C-alpha atoms as a PDB file:
ATOM      1  CA  UNK A   1       8.775 -42.913  40.417  1.00  0.00           C
ATOM      2  CA  UNK A   2       9.465 -39.561  38.934  1.00  0.00           C
ATOM      3  CA  UNK A   3       7.151 -36.783  38.964  1.00  0.00           C
ATOM      4  CA  UNK A   4       9.071 -34.928  35.872  1.00  0.00           C
ATOM      5  CA  UNK A   5       6.780 -33.600  32.950  1.00  0.00           C
ATOM      6  CA  UNK A   6       7.457 -35.327  29.593  1.00  0.00           C
ATOM      7  CA  UNK A   7       9.429 -32.885  27.289  1.00  0.00           C
ATOM      8  CA  UNK A   8       7.954 -31.255  24.534  1.00  0.00           C
ATOM      9  CA  UNK A   9       9.783 -29.792  21.257  1.00  0.00           C
ATOM     10  CA  UNK A  10       8.921 -26.134  21.064  1.00  0.00           C
ATOM     11  CA  UNK A  11      11.387 -25.391  17.565  1.00  0.00           C
ATOM     12  CA  UNK A  12      13.500 -27.697  16.081  1.00  0.00           C
ATOM     13  CA  UNK A  13      16.949 -26.245  15.672  1.00  0.00           C
ATOM     14  CA  UNK A  14      18.494 -29.676  13.966  1.00  0.00           C
ATOM     15  CA  UNK A  15      16.214 -32.752  13.088  1.00  0.00           C
ATOM     16  CA  UNK A  16      19.029 -35.214  12.348  1.00  0.00           C
ATOM     17  CA  UNK A  17      17.468 -38.628  11.335  1.00  0.00           C
ATOM     18  CA  UNK A  18      14.261 -37.321  12.804  1.00  0.00           C
ATOM     19  CA  UNK A  19      11.150 -36.215  11.262  1.00  0.00           C
ATOM     20  CA  UNK A  20      10.251 -32.742  12.304  1.00  0.00           C
ATOM     21  CA  UNK A  21       7.002 -34.067  13.032  1.00  0.00           C
ATOM     22  CA  UNK A  22       7.612 -35.022  16.183  1.00  0.00           C
ATOM     23  CA  UNK A  23       6.555 -32.709  18.822  1.00  0.00           C
ATOM     24  CA  UNK A  24       6.406 -35.307  22.209  1.00  0.00           C
ATOM     25  CA  UNK A  25       9.715 -37.044  23.899  1.00  0.00           C
ATOM     26  CA  UNK A  26       7.677 -40.250  23.368  1.00  0.00           C
ATOM     27  CA  UNK A  27       7.121 -39.994  19.428  1.00  0.00           C
ATOM     28  CA  UNK A  28      10.965 -39.062  19.169  1.00  0.00           C
ATOM     29  CA  UNK A  29      12.345 -41.941  20.720  1.00  0.00           C
ATOM     30  CA  UNK A  30       9.787 -44.123  19.352  1.00  0.00           C
ATOM     31  CA  UNK A  31      11.331 -42.876  16.120  1.00  0.00           C
ATOM     32  CA  UNK A  32      14.515 -43.547  17.535  1.00  0.00           C
ATOM     33  CA  UNK A  33      14.010 -46.785  18.267  1.00  0.00           C
ATOM     34  CA  UNK A  34      12.896 -47.463  14.663  1.00  0.00           C
ATOM     35  CA  UNK A  35      16.149 -45.784  13.452  1.00  0.00           C
ATOM     36  CA  UNK A  36      18.409 -47.964  15.638  1.00  0.00           C
ATOM     37  CA  UNK A  37      16.395 -50.713  14.977  1.00  0.00           C
ATOM     38  CA  UNK A  38      17.103 -50.380  11.192  1.00  0.00           C
ATOM     39  CA  UNK A  39      20.780 -49.581  11.642  1.00  0.00           C
ATOM     40  CA  UNK A  40      20.929 -53.110  13.348  1.00  0.00           C
ATOM     41  CA  UNK A  41      22.369 -51.780  16.430  1.00  0.00           C
ATOM     42  CA  UNK A  42      22.991 -55.024  17.371  1.00  0.00           C
ATOM     43  CA  UNK A  43      25.771 -55.531  14.842  1.00  0.00           C
ATOM     44  CA  UNK A  44      27.824 -52.737  16.163  1.00  0.00           C
ATOM     45  CA  UNK A  45      28.653 -54.423  19.662  1.00  0.00           C
ATOM     46  CA  UNK A  46      27.396 -58.112  18.690  1.00  0.00           C
ATOM     47  CA  UNK A  47      25.899 -60.202  21.319  1.00  0.00           C
ATOM     48  CA  UNK A  48      27.328 -58.832  25.036  1.00  0.00           C
ATOM     49  CA  UNK A  49      27.073 -60.874  28.025  1.00  0.00           C
ATOM     50  CA  UNK A  50      29.664 -61.185  31.138  1.00  0.00           C
ATOM     51  CA  UNK A  51      29.437 -61.904  34.594  1.00  0.00           C
ATOM     52  CA  UNK A  52      30.852 -58.811  36.910  1.00  0.00           C
ATOM     53  CA  UNK A  53      32.828 -59.448  39.931  1.00  0.00           C
ATOM     54  CA  UNK A  54      29.547 -58.483  42.194  1.00  0.00           C
ATOM     55  CA  UNK A  55      28.194 -61.719  40.794  1.00  0.00           C
ATOM     56  CA  UNK A  56      25.285 -60.099  38.636  1.00  0.00           C
ATOM     57  CA  UNK A  57      24.953 -60.340  34.922  1.00  0.00           C
ATOM     58  CA  UNK A  58      25.591 -57.417  32.415  1.00  0.00           C
ATOM     59  CA  UNK A  59      24.838 -56.652  28.898  1.00  0.00           C
ATOM     60  CA  UNK A  60      26.182 -53.689  26.625  1.00  0.00           C
ATOM     61  CA  UNK A  61      23.366 -52.134  24.809  1.00  0.00           C
ATOM     62  CA  UNK A  62      23.634 -49.152  22.268  1.00  0.00           C
ATOM     63  CA  UNK A  63      20.149 -46.676  22.668  1.00  0.00           C
ATOM     64  CA  UNK A  64      19.123 -43.329  22.384  1.00  0.00           C
ATOM     65  CA  UNK A  65      19.203 -40.874  25.050  1.00  0.00           C
ATOM     66  CA  UNK A  66      17.359 -37.366  25.672  1.00  0.00           C
ATOM     67  CA  UNK A  67      19.507 -35.063  27.887  1.00  0.00           C
ATOM     68  CA  UNK A  68      20.082 -31.489  28.324  1.00  0.00           C
ATOM     69  CA  UNK A  69      22.587 -29.966  25.835  1.00  0.00           C
ATOM     70  CA  UNK A  70      25.460 -28.600  26.848  1.00  0.00           C
ATOM     71  CA  UNK A  71      25.319 -24.582  26.417  1.00  0.00           C
ATOM     72  CA  UNK A  72      28.566 -24.512  24.495  1.00  0.00           C
ATOM     73  CA  UNK A  73      27.478 -27.012  22.317  1.00  0.00           C
ATOM     74  CA  UNK A  74      24.030 -24.754  21.715  1.00  0.00           C
ATOM     75  CA  UNK A  75      26.111 -22.019  21.052  1.00  0.00           C
ATOM     76  CA  UNK A  76      28.320 -23.666  18.201  1.00  0.00           C
ATOM     77  CA  UNK A  77      25.390 -24.846  16.482  1.00  0.00           C
ATOM     78  CA  UNK A  78      23.640 -21.176  16.890  1.00  0.00           C
ATOM     79  CA  UNK A  79      26.632 -19.618  15.310  1.00  0.00           C
ATOM     80  CA  UNK A  80      27.238 -22.544  12.584  1.00  0.00           C
ATOM     81  CA  UNK A  81      23.710 -21.990  11.119  1.00  0.00           C
ATOM     82  CA  UNK A  82      23.795 -18.692  11.265  1.00  0.00           C
ATOM     83  CA  UNK A  83      26.392 -18.649   8.873  1.00  0.00           C
END
């Protein structure tokens, strides 16, 4: 079980298609789910199921992840936004 605290937004730099009212990781991911549903993400890959050489069955899905941004990417975006 993870003991990490959920991420909260201090300041939006860019929101993309997300609503800037989202401040919690939970609300952001819920909106991502709605956007993915609206985009018909199952149609991107189709129905995928395969058996691996380990005997287990696997699916491939499209999902949204929250991960720490690469510092070079952050610098690039901040420079672009100043211009």
